[in-house]
């Protein structure tokens, strides 16, 4: 699935996200899966560490929204809400 189409689908329905969807987006954005500790999958990109807990191949919608926010901010896109990723208390 194309990156833009996947991003749009997850933006419209964050509850329907699988870990595979999120991993695909993060890898396409230059993140690397550096380790897995139990259910916590740790992705890194220079200057950013992002931890996503995964249970039964599902990711909670709050993490999906944070991933989308992170991607849009890194691209310089606006989010309409005024909050930046740095405003959230992201692990790392």
PDB file of N, CA and C in Angstrom:
ATOM      1  N   UNK A   1       0.849  -1.178   0.000  1.00  0.00           N
ATOM      2  CA  UNK A   1       0.000   0.000   0.000  1.00  0.00           C
ATOM      3  C   UNK A   1       0.894   1.240   0.000  1.00  0.00           C
ATOM      4  N   UNK A   2       0.510   2.227  -0.758  1.00  0.00           N
ATOM      5  CA  UNK A   2       1.291   3.451  -0.835  1.00  0.00           C
ATOM      6  C   UNK A   2       1.256   4.179   0.507  1.00  0.00           C
ATOM      7  N   UNK A   3       2.367   4.866   0.773  1.00  0.00           N
ATOM      8  CA  UNK A   3       2.539   5.539   2.056  1.00  0.00           C
ATOM      9  C   UNK A   3       1.421   6.543   2.340  1.00  0.00           C
ATOM     10  N   UNK A   4       1.077   7.367   1.363  1.00  0.00           N
ATOM     11  CA  UNK A   4       0.054   8.403   1.577  1.00  0.00           C
ATOM     12  C   UNK A   4      -1.312   7.775   1.846  1.00  0.00           C
ATOM     13  N   UNK A   5      -1.630   6.726   1.094  1.00  0.00           N
ATOM     14  CA  UNK A   5      -2.916   6.057   1.260  1.00  0.00           C
ATOM     15  C   UNK A   5      -3.010   5.398   2.639  1.00  0.00           C
ATOM     16  N   UNK A   6      -1.926   4.767   3.071  1.00  0.00           N
ATOM     17  CA  UNK A   6      -1.899   4.142   4.392  1.00  0.00           C
ATOM     18  C   UNK A   6      -2.032   5.199   5.485  1.00  0.00           C
ATOM     19  N   UNK A   7      -1.322   6.302   5.343  1.00  0.00           N
ATOM     20  CA  UNK A   7      -1.398   7.387   6.322  1.00  0.00           C
ATOM     21  C   UNK A   7      -2.816   7.943   6.406  1.00  0.00           C
ATOM     22  N   UNK A   8      -3.456   8.135   5.258  1.00  0.00           N
ATOM     23  CA  UNK A   8      -4.834   8.637   5.242  1.00  0.00           C
ATOM     24  C   UNK A   8      -5.796   7.645   5.901  1.00  0.00           C
ATOM     25  N   UNK A   9      -5.618   6.362   5.609  1.00  0.00           N
ATOM     26  CA  UNK A   9      -6.499   5.342   6.193  1.00  0.00           C
ATOM     27  C   UNK A   9      -6.365   5.313   7.713  1.00  0.00           C
ATOM     28  N   UNK A  10      -5.136   5.400   8.204  1.00  0.00           N
ATOM     29  CA  UNK A  10      -4.928   5.377   9.658  1.00  0.00           C
ATOM     30  C   UNK A  10      -5.394   6.671  10.318  1.00  0.00           C
ATOM     31  N   UNK A  11      -5.295   7.780   9.612  1.00  0.00           N
ATOM     32  CA  UNK A  11      -5.784   9.051  10.146  1.00  0.00           C
ATOM     33  C   UNK A  11      -7.298   8.999  10.322  1.00  0.00           C
ATOM     34  N   UNK A  12      -7.972   8.404   9.351  1.00  0.00           N
ATOM     35  CA  UNK A  12      -9.433   8.315   9.400  1.00  0.00           C
ATOM     36  C   UNK A  12      -9.944   7.244  10.344  1.00  0.00           C
ATOM     37  N   UNK A  13      -9.150   6.205  10.603  1.00  0.00           N
ATOM     38  CA  UNK A  13      -9.598   5.106  11.464  1.00  0.00           C
ATOM     39  C   UNK A  13      -8.434   4.565  12.291  1.00  0.00           C
ATOM     40  N   UNK A  14      -7.984   5.331  13.315  1.00  0.00           N
ATOM     41  CA  UNK A  14      -6.832   4.878  14.109  1.00  0.00           C
ATOM     42  C   UNK A  14      -7.099   3.599  14.902  1.00  0.00           C
ATOM     43  N   UNK A  15      -8.353   3.304  15.195  1.00  0.00           N
ATOM     44  CA  UNK A  15      -8.655   2.097  15.969  1.00  0.00           C
ATOM     45  C   UNK A  15      -8.476   0.827  15.147  1.00  0.00           C
ATOM     46  N   UNK A  16      -8.463   0.948  13.829  1.00  0.00           N
ATOM     47  CA  UNK A  16      -8.326  -0.226  12.979  1.00  0.00           C
ATOM     48  C   UNK A  16      -6.888  -0.549  12.616  1.00  0.00           C
ATOM     49  N   UNK A  17      -5.929   0.073  13.284  1.00  0.00           N
ATOM     50  CA  UNK A  17      -4.522  -0.085  12.918  1.00  0.00           C
ATOM     51  C   UNK A  17      -3.924  -1.377  13.464  1.00  0.00           C
ATOM     52  N   UNK A  18      -3.133  -2.010  12.629  1.00  0.00           N
ATOM     53  CA  UNK A  18      -2.358  -3.163  13.085  1.00  0.00           C
ATOM     54  C   UNK A  18      -0.916  -2.707  13.280  1.00  0.00           C
ATOM     55  N   UNK A  19      -0.154  -3.525  13.989  1.00  0.00           N
ATOM     56  CA  UNK A  19       1.257  -3.200  14.176  1.00  0.00           C
ATOM     57  C   UNK A  19       1.973  -3.173  12.828  1.00  0.00           C
ATOM     58  N   UNK A  20       1.611  -4.060  11.930  1.00  0.00           N
ATOM     59  CA  UNK A  20       2.234  -4.102  10.609  1.00  0.00           C
ATOM     60  C   UNK A  20       2.058  -2.769   9.869  1.00  0.00           C
ATOM     61  N   UNK A  21       0.870  -2.159   9.993  1.00  0.00           N
ATOM     62  CA  UNK A  21       0.622  -0.855   9.372  1.00  0.00           C
ATOM     63  C   UNK A  21       1.562   0.209   9.943  1.00  0.00           C
ATOM     64  N   UNK A  22       1.647   0.247  11.257  1.00  0.00           N
ATOM     65  CA  UNK A  22       2.475   1.251  11.938  1.00  0.00           C
ATOM     66  C   UNK A  22       3.948   1.022  11.622  1.00  0.00           C
ATOM     67  N   UNK A  23       4.372  -0.231  11.654  1.00  0.00           N
ATOM     68  CA  UNK A  23       5.763  -0.540  11.356  1.00  0.00           C
ATOM     69  C   UNK A  23       6.112  -0.129   9.922  1.00  0.00           C
ATOM     70  N   UNK A  24       5.227  -0.389   8.989  1.00  0.00           N
ATOM     71  CA  UNK A  24       5.449   0.000   7.595  1.00  0.00           C
ATOM     72  C   UNK A  24       5.637   1.510   7.480  1.00  0.00           C
ATOM     73  N   UNK A  25       4.764   2.271   8.126  1.00  0.00           N
ATOM     74  CA  UNK A  25       4.875   3.736   8.080  1.00  0.00           C
ATOM     75  C   UNK A  25       6.192   4.215   8.671  1.00  0.00           C
ATOM     76  N   UNK A  26       6.531   3.698   9.846  1.00  0.00           N
ATOM     77  CA  UNK A  26       7.750   4.159  10.516  1.00  0.00           C
ATOM     78  C   UNK A  26       9.001   3.784   9.718  1.00  0.00           C
ATOM     79  N   UNK A  27       9.044   2.589   9.168  1.00  0.00           N
ATOM     80  CA  UNK A  27      10.205   2.178   8.371  1.00  0.00           C
ATOM     81  C   UNK A  27      10.329   3.033   7.118  1.00  0.00           C
ATOM     82  N   UNK A  28       9.207   3.376   6.508  1.00  0.00           N
ATOM     83  CA  UNK A  28       9.233   4.227   5.321  1.00  0.00           C
ATOM     84  C   UNK A  28       9.686   5.653   5.651  1.00  0.00           C
ATOM     85  N   UNK A  29       9.504   6.061   6.895  1.00  0.00           N
ATOM     86  CA  UNK A  29       9.917   7.399   7.325  1.00  0.00           C
ATOM     87  C   UNK A  29      11.349   7.424   7.851  1.00  0.00           C
ATOM     88  N   UNK A  30      12.052   6.306   7.758  1.00  0.00           N
ATOM     89  CA  UNK A  30      13.454   6.284   8.150  1.00  0.00           C
ATOM     90  C   UNK A  30      13.732   5.779   9.552  1.00  0.00           C
ATOM     91  N   UNK A  31      12.713   5.312  10.261  1.00  0.00           N
ATOM     92  CA  UNK A  31      12.925   4.730  11.579  1.00  0.00           C
ATOM     93  C   UNK A  31      13.442   3.309  11.431  1.00  0.00           C
ATOM     94  N   UNK A  32      14.143   2.834  12.444  1.00  0.00           N
ATOM     95  CA  UNK A  32      14.601   1.447  12.475  1.00  0.00           C
ATOM     96  C   UNK A  32      14.094   0.804  13.755  1.00  0.00           C
ATOM     97  N   UNK A  33      13.662  -0.435  13.638  1.00  0.00           N
ATOM     98  CA  UNK A  33      13.258  -1.194  14.821  1.00  0.00           C
ATOM     99  C   UNK A  33      14.544  -1.686  15.469  1.00  0.00           C
ATOM    100  N   UNK A  34      14.884  -1.099  16.630  1.00  0.00           N
ATOM    101  CA  UNK A  34      16.172  -1.410  17.236  1.00  0.00           C
ATOM    102  C   UNK A  34      16.103  -2.519  18.273  1.00  0.00           C
ATOM    103  N   UNK A  35      14.945  -2.676  18.910  1.00  0.00           N
ATOM    104  CA  UNK A  35      14.821  -3.788  19.862  1.00  0.00           C
ATOM    105  C   UNK A  35      13.357  -4.016  20.225  1.00  0.00           C
ATOM    106  N   UNK A  36      13.123  -5.216  20.730  1.00  0.00           N
ATOM    107  CA  UNK A  36      11.809  -5.582  21.238  1.00  0.00           C
ATOM    108  C   UNK A  36      12.025  -6.094  22.650  1.00  0.00           C
ATOM    109  N   UNK A  37      11.354  -5.480  23.600  1.00  0.00           N
ATOM    110  CA  UNK A  37      11.447  -5.888  25.006  1.00  0.00           C
ATOM    111  C   UNK A  37      10.040  -6.243  25.465  1.00  0.00           C
ATOM    112  N   UNK A  38       9.722  -7.523  25.431  1.00  0.00           N
ATOM    113  CA  UNK A  38       8.363  -7.952  25.757  1.00  0.00           C
ATOM    114  C   UNK A  38       7.416  -7.482  24.670  1.00  0.00           C
ATOM    115  N   UNK A  39       6.425  -6.684  25.058  1.00  0.00           N
ATOM    116  CA  UNK A  39       5.473  -6.172  24.077  1.00  0.00           C
ATOM    117  C   UNK A  39       5.883  -4.804  23.527  1.00  0.00           C
ATOM    118  N   UNK A  40       6.976  -4.244  24.047  1.00  0.00           N
ATOM    119  CA  UNK A  40       7.404  -2.906  23.636  1.00  0.00           C
ATOM    120  C   UNK A  40       8.380  -2.977  22.467  1.00  0.00           C
ATOM    121  N   UNK A  41       7.980  -2.359  21.363  1.00  0.00           N
ATOM    122  CA  UNK A  41       8.809  -2.285  20.172  1.00  0.00           C
ATOM    123  C   UNK A  41       9.417  -0.890  20.119  1.00  0.00           C
ATOM    124  N   UNK A  42      10.745  -0.821  20.042  1.00  0.00           N
ATOM    125  CA  UNK A  42      11.447   0.452  20.113  1.00  0.00           C
ATOM    126  C   UNK A  42      11.985   0.815  18.729  1.00  0.00           C
ATOM    127  N   UNK A  43      11.517   1.956  18.220  1.00  0.00           N
ATOM    128  CA  UNK A  43      11.951   2.472  16.928  1.00  0.00           C
ATOM    129  C   UNK A  43      12.819   3.691  17.175  1.00  0.00           C
ATOM    130  N   UNK A  44      13.869   3.837  16.362  1.00  0.00           N
ATOM    131  CA  UNK A  44      14.750   5.001  16.492  1.00  0.00           C
ATOM    132  C   UNK A  44      15.045   5.607  15.133  1.00  0.00           C
ATOM    133  N   UNK A  45      15.227   6.905  15.194  1.00  0.00           N
ATOM    134  CA  UNK A  45      15.674   7.713  14.076  1.00  0.00           C
ATOM    135  C   UNK A  45      16.572   8.751  14.729  1.00  0.00           C
ATOM    136  N   UNK A  46      17.576   9.280  14.073  1.00  0.00           N
ATOM    137  CA  UNK A  46      18.447  10.252  14.738  1.00  0.00           C
ATOM    138  C   UNK A  46      17.658  11.329  15.494  1.00  0.00           C
ATOM    139  N   UNK A  47      17.853  11.371  16.788  1.00  0.00           N
ATOM    140  CA  UNK A  47      17.201  12.361  17.633  1.00  0.00           C
ATOM    141  C   UNK A  47      15.830  11.969  18.160  1.00  0.00           C
ATOM    142  N   UNK A  48      15.281  10.834  17.712  1.00  0.00           N
ATOM    143  CA  UNK A  48      13.932  10.437  18.127  1.00  0.00           C
ATOM    144  C   UNK A  48      13.919   8.957  18.490  1.00  0.00           C
ATOM    145  N   UNK A  49      13.360   8.656  19.647  1.00  0.00           N
ATOM    146  CA  UNK A  49      13.096   7.272  20.056  1.00  0.00           C
ATOM    147  C   UNK A  49      11.604   7.172  20.307  1.00  0.00           C
ATOM    148  N   UNK A  50      10.987   6.141  19.758  1.00  0.00           N
ATOM    149  CA  UNK A  50       9.543   5.975  19.878  1.00  0.00           C
ATOM    150  C   UNK A  50       9.247   4.541  20.291  1.00  0.00           C
ATOM    151  N   UNK A  51       8.526   4.368  21.401  1.00  0.00           N
ATOM    152  CA  UNK A  51       8.197   3.043  21.918  1.00  0.00           C
ATOM    153  C   UNK A  51       6.707   2.783  21.702  1.00  0.00           C
ATOM    154  N   UNK A  52       6.408   1.625  21.126  1.00  0.00           N
ATOM    155  CA  UNK A  52       5.019   1.265  20.861  1.00  0.00           C
ATOM    156  C   UNK A  52       4.721  -0.088  21.491  1.00  0.00           C
ATOM    157  N   UNK A  53       3.796  -0.138  22.449  1.00  0.00           N
ATOM    158  CA  UNK A  53       3.380  -1.430  22.989  1.00  0.00           C
ATOM    159  C   UNK A  53       2.405  -2.115  22.025  1.00  0.00           C
ATOM    160  N   UNK A  54       2.623  -3.401  21.795  1.00  0.00           N
ATOM    161  CA  UNK A  54       1.801  -4.156  20.839  1.00  0.00           C
ATOM    162  C   UNK A  54       1.229  -5.375  21.542  1.00  0.00           C
ATOM    163  N   UNK A  55      -0.071  -5.572  21.415  1.00  0.00           N
ATOM    164  CA  UNK A  55      -0.737  -6.743  21.980  1.00  0.00           C
ATOM    165  C   UNK A  55      -1.643  -7.330  20.905  1.00  0.00           C
ATOM    166  N   UNK A  56      -1.440  -8.592  20.572  1.00  0.00           N
ATOM    167  CA  UNK A  56      -2.246  -9.302  19.565  1.00  0.00           C
ATOM    168  C   UNK A  56      -2.244  -8.563  18.222  1.00  0.00           C
ATOM    169  N   UNK A  57      -1.064  -8.051  17.827  1.00  0.00           N
ATOM    170  CA  UNK A  57      -0.869  -7.328  16.571  1.00  0.00           C
ATOM    171  C   UNK A  57      -1.715  -6.060  16.462  1.00  0.00           C
ATOM    172  N   UNK A  58      -2.175  -5.537  17.581  1.00  0.00           N
ATOM    173  CA  UNK A  58      -2.961  -4.297  17.597  1.00  0.00           C
ATOM    174  C   UNK A  58      -2.194  -3.203  18.337  1.00  0.00           C
ATOM    175  N   UNK A  59      -2.409  -1.979  17.897  1.00  0.00           N
ATOM    176  CA  UNK A  59      -1.801  -0.808  18.522  1.00  0.00           C
ATOM    177  C   UNK A  59      -2.929   0.116  18.945  1.00  0.00           C
ATOM    178  N   UNK A  60      -2.879   0.598  20.181  1.00  0.00           N
ATOM    179  CA  UNK A  60      -3.927   1.497  20.668  1.00  0.00           C
ATOM    180  C   UNK A  60      -3.941   2.776  19.841  1.00  0.00           C
ATOM    181  N   UNK A  61      -5.126   3.340  19.702  1.00  0.00           N
ATOM    182  CA  UNK A  61      -5.307   4.504  18.841  1.00  0.00           C
ATOM    183  C   UNK A  61      -4.472   5.707  19.277  1.00  0.00           C
ATOM    184  N   UNK A  62      -4.181   5.843  20.565  1.00  0.00           N
ATOM    185  CA  UNK A  62      -3.368   6.969  21.024  1.00  0.00           C
ATOM    186  C   UNK A  62      -1.975   6.901  20.405  1.00  0.00           C
ATOM    187  N   UNK A  63      -1.412   5.716  20.261  1.00  0.00           N
ATOM    188  CA  UNK A  63      -0.089   5.573  19.650  1.00  0.00           C
ATOM    189  C   UNK A  63      -0.158   5.790  18.144  1.00  0.00           C
ATOM    190  N   UNK A  64      -1.248   5.377  17.533  1.00  0.00           N
ATOM    191  CA  UNK A  64      -1.432   5.600  16.100  1.00  0.00           C
ATOM    192  C   UNK A  64      -1.476   7.095  15.826  1.00  0.00           C
ATOM    193  N   UNK A  65      -2.226   7.827  16.631  1.00  0.00           N
ATOM    194  CA  UNK A  65      -2.314   9.287  16.450  1.00  0.00           C
ATOM    195  C   UNK A  65      -0.955   9.953  16.665  1.00  0.00           C
ATOM    196  N   UNK A  66      -0.187   9.454  17.630  1.00  0.00           N
ATOM    197  CA  UNK A  66       1.143  10.028  17.874  1.00  0.00           C
ATOM    198  C   UNK A  66       2.089   9.747  16.712  1.00  0.00           C
ATOM    199  N   UNK A  67       2.008   8.575  16.130  1.00  0.00           N
ATOM    200  CA  UNK A  67       2.837   8.255  14.965  1.00  0.00           C
ATOM    201  C   UNK A  67       2.472   9.161  13.800  1.00  0.00           C
ATOM    202  N   UNK A  68       1.186   9.344  13.562  1.00  0.00           N
ATOM    203  CA  UNK A  68       0.733  10.212  12.475  1.00  0.00           C
ATOM    204  C   UNK A  68       1.215  11.638  12.717  1.00  0.00           C
ATOM    205  N   UNK A  69       1.083  12.101  13.943  1.00  0.00           N
ATOM    206  CA  UNK A  69       1.534  13.450  14.310  1.00  0.00           C
ATOM    207  C   UNK A  69       3.036  13.594  14.074  1.00  0.00           C
ATOM    208  N   UNK A  70       3.790  12.600  14.483  1.00  0.00           N
ATOM    209  CA  UNK A  70       5.240  12.611  14.324  1.00  0.00           C
ATOM    210  C   UNK A  70       5.625  12.680  12.851  1.00  0.00           C
ATOM    211  N   UNK A  71       4.967  11.902  12.029  1.00  0.00           N
ATOM    212  CA  UNK A  71       5.255  11.892  10.594  1.00  0.00           C
ATOM    213  C   UNK A  71       4.899  13.228   9.956  1.00  0.00           C
ATOM    214  N   UNK A  72       3.737  13.753  10.272  1.00  0.00           N
ATOM    215  CA  UNK A  72       3.323  15.033   9.693  1.00  0.00           C
ATOM    216  C   UNK A  72       4.240  16.163  10.127  1.00  0.00           C
ATOM    217  N   UNK A  73       4.647  16.154  11.389  1.00  0.00           N
ATOM    218  CA  UNK A  73       5.540  17.208  11.866  1.00  0.00           C
ATOM    219  C   UNK A  73       6.907  17.102  11.189  1.00  0.00           C
ATOM    220  N   UNK A  74       7.394  15.892  11.007  1.00  0.00           N
ATOM    221  CA  UNK A  74       8.704  15.734  10.371  1.00  0.00           C
ATOM    222  C   UNK A  74       8.669  16.166   8.907  1.00  0.00           C
ATOM    223  N   UNK A  75       7.499  16.116   8.297  1.00  0.00           N
ATOM    224  CA  UNK A  75       7.336  16.563   6.908  1.00  0.00           C
ATOM    225  C   UNK A  75       7.028  18.047   6.815  1.00  0.00           C
ATOM    226  N   UNK A  76       6.791  18.687   7.952  1.00  0.00           N
ATOM    227  CA  UNK A  76       6.465  20.106   7.949  1.00  0.00           C
ATOM    228  C   UNK A  76       4.999  20.379   7.680  1.00  0.00           C
ATOM    229  N   UNK A  77       4.171  19.345   7.759  1.00  0.00           N
ATOM    230  CA  UNK A  77       2.734  19.529   7.544  1.00  0.00           C
ATOM    231  C   UNK A  77       2.093  20.030   8.822  1.00  0.00           C
ATOM    232  N   UNK A  78       1.006  20.783   8.689  1.00  0.00           N
ATOM    233  CA  UNK A  78       0.301  21.266   9.863  1.00  0.00           C
ATOM    234  C   UNK A  78      -0.692  20.216  10.323  1.00  0.00           C
ATOM    235  N   UNK A  79      -1.011  20.257  11.605  1.00  0.00           N
ATOM    236  CA  UNK A  79      -1.954  19.278  12.145  1.00  0.00           C
ATOM    237  C   UNK A  79      -3.312  19.881  12.442  1.00  0.00           C
ATOM    238  N   UNK A  80      -3.448  21.192  12.330  1.00  0.00           N
ATOM    239  CA  UNK A  80      -4.739  21.817  12.563  1.00  0.00           C
ATOM    240  C   UNK A  80      -5.060  22.032  14.027  1.00  0.00           C
ATOM    241  N   UNK A  81      -4.402  21.338  14.932  1.00  0.00           N
ATOM    242  CA  UNK A  81      -4.719  21.459  16.344  1.00  0.00           C
ATOM    243  C   UNK A  81      -3.754  22.324  17.120  1.00  0.00           C
ATOM    244  N   UNK A  82      -2.626  22.655  16.520  1.00  0.00           N
ATOM    245  CA  UNK A  82      -1.668  23.514  17.183  1.00  0.00           C
ATOM    246  C   UNK A  82      -0.675  22.779  18.058  1.00  0.00           C
ATOM    247  N   UNK A  83      -0.951  21.537  18.419  1.00  0.00           N
ATOM    248  CA  UNK A  83      -0.027  20.784  19.268  1.00  0.00           C
ATOM    249  C   UNK A  83       1.093  20.204  18.420  1.00  0.00           C
ATOM    250  N   UNK A  84       2.279  20.167  18.989  1.00  0.00           N
ATOM    251  CA  UNK A  84       3.419  19.563  18.324  1.00  0.00           C
ATOM    252  C   UNK A  84       3.714  18.239  18.993  1.00  0.00           C
ATOM    253  N   UNK A  85       4.447  17.398  18.282  1.00  0.00           N
ATOM    254  CA  UNK A  85       4.823  16.112  18.875  1.00  0.00           C
ATOM    255  C   UNK A  85       5.596  16.339  20.166  1.00  0.00           C
ATOM    256  N   UNK A  86       6.432  17.384  20.201  1.00  0.00           N
ATOM    257  CA  UNK A  86       7.219  17.667  21.385  1.00  0.00           C
ATOM    258  C   UNK A  86       6.338  18.058  22.583  1.00  0.00           C
ATOM    259  N   UNK A  87       5.072  18.420  22.323  1.00  0.00           N
ATOM    260  CA  UNK A  87       4.144  18.753  23.407  1.00  0.00           C
ATOM    261  C   UNK A  87       3.678  17.500  24.148  1.00  0.00           C
ATOM    262  N   UNK A  88       3.804  16.361  23.487  1.00  0.00           N
ATOM    263  CA  UNK A  88       3.390  15.103  24.111  1.00  0.00           C
ATOM    264  C   UNK A  88       4.560  14.525  24.896  1.00  0.00           C
ATOM    265  N   UNK A  89       4.241  13.768  25.881  1.00  0.00           N
ATOM    266  CA  UNK A  89       5.268  13.160  26.704  1.00  0.00           C
ATOM    267  C   UNK A  89       5.645  11.818  26.078  1.00  0.00           C
ATOM    268  N   UNK A  90       6.411  11.870  24.980  1.00  0.00           N
ATOM    269  CA  UNK A  90       6.763  10.660  24.264  1.00  0.00           C
ATOM    270  C   UNK A  90       7.922   9.953  24.967  1.00  0.00           C
ATOM    271  N   UNK A  91       7.893   8.631  24.963  1.00  0.00           N
ATOM    272  CA  UNK A  91       8.994   7.879  25.567  1.00  0.00           C
ATOM    273  C   UNK A  91      10.302   8.173  24.830  1.00  0.00           C
ATOM    274  N   UNK A  92      11.380   8.178  25.578  1.00  0.00           N
ATOM    275  CA  UNK A  92      12.672   8.332  24.911  1.00  0.00           C
ATOM    276  C   UNK A  92      13.441   9.408  25.528  1.00  0.00           C
TER     277      UNK A  92
END
